[in-house]
Amino acid sequence: MKINLVIWGSLKELLPHLQKEYTDYQVLEGTSIENITKQLEIPDGLVLNASVDGVLQDLDYIPFDGQRVVLLSPIAGG
């Protein structure tokens, strides 16, 4: 199945192979957001949750075909 994956900020810098901040991304049906982050080799702790079609979800959420998944990293600043 295909999801619309969106990355921003430090995640965009970490995943230059995605080439843009949003992309169609193939995953197996039943794959959780946490497993998607592992497939992308994002280090633990860099994604705390995700927005799926505008609704905040935990990492154990399993997206459906065609959903927009925005990976949310912690905000840093000072």
N, C-alpha and C. Protein backbone atom coordinates (compact mmCIF):
# COMPACT_ATOMS: atom_id res chain seq x y z
N MET A 1 0.84 -1.18 0.00
CA MET A 1 0.00 0.00 0.00
C MET A 1 0.88 1.23 0.00
N LYS A 2 0.29 2.37 -0.31
CA LYS A 2 1.05 3.61 -0.41
C LYS A 2 0.47 4.64 0.56
N ILE A 3 1.36 5.31 1.31
CA ILE A 3 0.97 6.43 2.16
C ILE A 3 1.66 7.68 1.63
N ASN A 4 1.15 8.84 1.99
CA ASN A 4 1.81 10.10 1.68
C ASN A 4 2.61 10.48 2.92
N LEU A 5 3.92 10.32 2.88
CA LEU A 5 4.80 10.54 4.02
C LEU A 5 5.34 11.96 3.98
N VAL A 6 5.24 12.65 5.13
CA VAL A 6 5.72 14.03 5.24
C VAL A 6 6.75 14.10 6.35
N ILE A 7 7.90 14.71 6.04
CA ILE A 7 8.95 14.92 7.04
C ILE A 7 9.37 16.38 7.02
N TRP A 8 9.76 16.89 8.18
CA TRP A 8 10.19 18.27 8.30
C TRP A 8 11.42 18.37 9.19
N GLY A 9 12.02 19.53 9.19
CA GLY A 9 13.09 19.87 10.12
C GLY A 9 14.25 18.90 10.12
N SER A 10 14.64 18.47 11.32
CA SER A 10 15.82 17.62 11.47
C SER A 10 15.62 16.28 10.77
N LEU A 11 14.39 15.81 10.66
CA LEU A 11 14.14 14.55 9.96
C LEU A 11 14.45 14.68 8.47
N LYS A 12 14.15 15.83 7.91
CA LYS A 12 14.43 16.07 6.49
C LYS A 12 15.94 16.01 6.24
N GLU A 13 16.71 16.56 7.16
CA GLU A 13 18.16 16.53 7.04
C GLU A 13 18.70 15.11 7.23
N LEU A 14 18.04 14.32 8.06
CA LEU A 14 18.45 12.95 8.35
C LEU A 14 18.14 12.00 7.19
N LEU A 15 17.15 12.35 6.38
CA LEU A 15 16.68 11.48 5.30
C LEU A 15 16.81 12.16 3.93
N PRO A 16 18.02 12.55 3.54
CA PRO A 16 18.17 13.28 2.28
C PRO A 16 17.76 12.46 1.06
N HIS A 17 17.76 11.13 1.18
CA HIS A 17 17.39 10.29 0.04
C HIS A 17 15.91 10.43 -0.33
N LEU A 18 15.08 10.99 0.56
CA LEU A 18 13.68 11.21 0.21
C LEU A 18 13.53 12.43 -0.70
N GLN A 19 14.52 13.29 -0.74
CA GLN A 19 14.66 14.40 -1.67
C GLN A 19 13.63 15.53 -1.54
N LYS A 20 12.55 15.33 -0.86
CA LYS A 20 11.60 16.41 -0.63
C LYS A 20 10.86 16.13 0.67
N GLU A 21 10.16 17.11 1.18
CA GLU A 21 9.54 16.94 2.50
C GLU A 21 8.28 16.08 2.48
N TYR A 22 7.75 15.79 1.31
CA TYR A 22 6.62 14.86 1.23
C TYR A 22 6.83 13.93 0.04
N THR A 23 6.42 12.67 0.22
CA THR A 23 6.63 11.69 -0.83
C THR A 23 5.64 10.54 -0.66
N ASP A 24 5.28 9.90 -1.75
CA ASP A 24 4.52 8.67 -1.66
C ASP A 24 5.48 7.57 -1.24
N TYR A 25 5.08 6.79 -0.25
CA TYR A 25 5.98 5.80 0.34
C TYR A 25 5.25 4.46 0.43
N GLN A 26 5.86 3.42 -0.10
CA GLN A 26 5.27 2.08 -0.10
C GLN A 26 5.55 1.39 1.23
N VAL A 27 4.51 0.83 1.84
CA VAL A 27 4.66 0.01 3.05
C VAL A 27 3.74 -1.20 2.92
N LEU A 28 4.04 -2.23 3.67
CA LEU A 28 3.16 -3.39 3.71
C LEU A 28 1.93 -3.06 4.53
N GLU A 29 0.79 -3.56 4.13
CA GLU A 29 -0.44 -3.35 4.90
C GLU A 29 -0.24 -3.88 6.32
N GLY A 30 -0.68 -3.13 7.30
CA GLY A 30 -0.53 -3.52 8.70
C GLY A 30 0.74 -3.02 9.35
N THR A 31 1.52 -2.19 8.65
CA THR A 31 2.76 -1.66 9.20
C THR A 31 2.46 -0.44 10.07
N SER A 32 2.95 -0.47 11.31
CA SER A 32 2.73 0.66 12.23
C SER A 32 3.67 1.81 11.88
N ILE A 33 3.33 2.97 12.40
CA ILE A 33 4.21 4.14 12.20
C ILE A 33 5.58 3.87 12.80
N GLU A 34 5.62 3.21 13.95
CA GLU A 34 6.91 2.88 14.57
C GLU A 34 7.76 2.02 13.63
N ASN A 35 7.14 1.04 12.99
CA ASN A 35 7.89 0.19 12.06
C ASN A 35 8.32 0.95 10.81
N ILE A 36 7.52 1.92 10.39
CA ILE A 36 7.91 2.77 9.26
C ILE A 36 9.17 3.55 9.63
N THR A 37 9.22 4.09 10.85
CA THR A 37 10.42 4.84 11.27
C THR A 37 11.64 3.93 11.32
N LYS A 38 11.44 2.66 11.69
CA LYS A 38 12.57 1.71 11.72
C LYS A 38 13.03 1.39 10.30
N GLN A 39 12.07 1.25 9.36
CA GLN A 39 12.43 1.01 7.96
C GLN A 39 13.25 2.17 7.40
N LEU A 40 12.92 3.38 7.84
CA LEU A 40 13.63 4.57 7.39
C LEU A 40 14.95 4.77 8.14
N GLU A 41 15.21 3.90 9.13
CA GLU A 41 16.42 3.96 9.97
C GLU A 41 16.52 5.27 10.74
N ILE A 42 15.38 5.75 11.23
CA ILE A 42 15.35 6.94 12.09
C ILE A 42 15.69 6.49 13.50
N PRO A 43 16.68 7.09 14.14
CA PRO A 43 17.05 6.69 15.50
C PRO A 43 15.87 6.83 16.48
N ASP A 44 15.82 5.91 17.45
CA ASP A 44 14.78 5.96 18.48
C ASP A 44 14.78 7.32 19.16
N GLY A 45 13.60 7.83 19.44
CA GLY A 45 13.45 9.10 20.14
C GLY A 45 13.34 10.32 19.24
N LEU A 46 13.61 10.16 17.94
CA LEU A 46 13.51 11.32 17.04
C LEU A 46 12.11 11.53 16.49
N VAL A 47 11.26 10.52 16.60
CA VAL A 47 9.85 10.67 16.23
C VAL A 47 9.04 10.29 17.46
N LEU A 48 8.28 11.24 17.98
CA LEU A 48 7.50 11.00 19.19
C LEU A 48 6.08 10.56 18.89
N ASN A 49 5.52 11.08 17.81
CA ASN A 49 4.18 10.72 17.37
C ASN A 49 4.02 11.21 15.94
N ALA A 50 2.82 11.07 15.42
CA ALA A 50 2.58 11.46 14.03
C ALA A 50 1.19 12.05 13.90
N SER A 51 1.04 12.87 12.90
CA SER A 51 -0.27 13.38 12.52
C SER A 51 -0.70 12.58 11.30
N VAL A 52 -1.85 11.92 11.40
CA VAL A 52 -2.37 11.13 10.28
C VAL A 52 -3.68 11.77 9.83
N ASP A 53 -3.66 12.30 8.61
CA ASP A 53 -4.81 13.03 8.08
C ASP A 53 -5.29 14.10 9.06
N GLY A 54 -4.31 14.76 9.73
CA GLY A 54 -4.62 15.87 10.63
C GLY A 54 -4.98 15.47 12.06
N VAL A 55 -4.91 14.17 12.38
CA VAL A 55 -5.24 13.70 13.73
C VAL A 55 -3.98 13.12 14.37
N LEU A 56 -3.65 13.59 15.58
CA LEU A 56 -2.47 13.13 16.29
C LEU A 56 -2.61 11.66 16.65
N GLN A 57 -1.58 10.88 16.33
CA GLN A 57 -1.59 9.44 16.59
C GLN A 57 -0.29 9.01 17.26
N ASP A 58 -0.37 7.93 18.05
CA ASP A 58 0.82 7.34 18.65
C ASP A 58 1.55 6.51 17.60
N LEU A 59 2.76 6.09 17.95
CA LEU A 59 3.58 5.34 17.01
C LEU A 59 3.04 3.94 16.71
N ASP A 60 2.16 3.43 17.56
CA ASP A 60 1.60 2.10 17.29
C ASP A 60 0.43 2.14 16.30
N TYR A 61 0.06 3.33 15.85
CA TYR A 61 -1.03 3.48 14.88
C TYR A 61 -0.64 2.83 13.55
N ILE A 62 -1.59 2.16 12.93
CA ILE A 62 -1.37 1.53 11.63
C ILE A 62 -2.14 2.32 10.58
N PRO A 63 -1.42 3.04 9.71
CA PRO A 63 -2.10 3.84 8.69
C PRO A 63 -2.72 2.96 7.59
N PHE A 64 -3.69 3.53 6.91
CA PHE A 64 -4.36 2.88 5.79
C PHE A 64 -3.84 3.45 4.48
N ASP A 65 -4.10 2.74 3.41
CA ASP A 65 -3.69 3.16 2.08
C ASP A 65 -4.18 4.58 1.79
N GLY A 66 -3.27 5.41 1.31
CA GLY A 66 -3.62 6.76 0.90
C GLY A 66 -3.60 7.80 2.00
N GLN A 67 -3.38 7.40 3.25
CA GLN A 67 -3.37 8.40 4.32
C GLN A 67 -2.10 9.24 4.28
N ARG A 68 -2.24 10.48 4.77
CA ARG A 68 -1.10 11.41 4.88
C ARG A 68 -0.53 11.27 6.29
N VAL A 69 0.73 10.88 6.38
CA VAL A 69 1.40 10.63 7.66
C VAL A 69 2.52 11.65 7.82
N VAL A 70 2.38 12.53 8.80
CA VAL A 70 3.42 13.52 9.10
C VAL A 70 4.17 13.05 10.34
N LEU A 71 5.45 12.77 10.18
CA LEU A 71 6.27 12.35 11.32
C LEU A 71 6.67 13.59 12.11
N LEU A 72 6.46 13.54 13.43
CA LEU A 72 6.70 14.70 14.29
C LEU A 72 7.88 14.42 15.21
N SER A 73 8.89 15.25 15.10
CA SER A 73 10.07 15.12 15.97
C SER A 73 9.96 16.13 17.10
N PRO A 74 10.74 15.92 18.18
CA PRO A 74 10.71 16.87 19.28
C PRO A 74 11.17 18.25 18.82
N ILE A 75 10.60 19.27 19.40
CA ILE A 75 11.00 20.64 19.09
C ILE A 75 12.18 21.02 19.97
N ALA A 76 13.20 21.56 19.37
CA ALA A 76 14.37 22.00 20.12
C ALA A 76 14.47 23.52 20.05
N GLY A 77 15.08 24.08 21.02
CA GLY A 77 15.26 25.52 21.01
C GLY A 77 15.80 26.00 22.34
N GLY A 78 15.90 27.28 22.46
CA GLY A 78 16.44 27.74 23.72
C GLY A 78 16.37 29.22 23.86
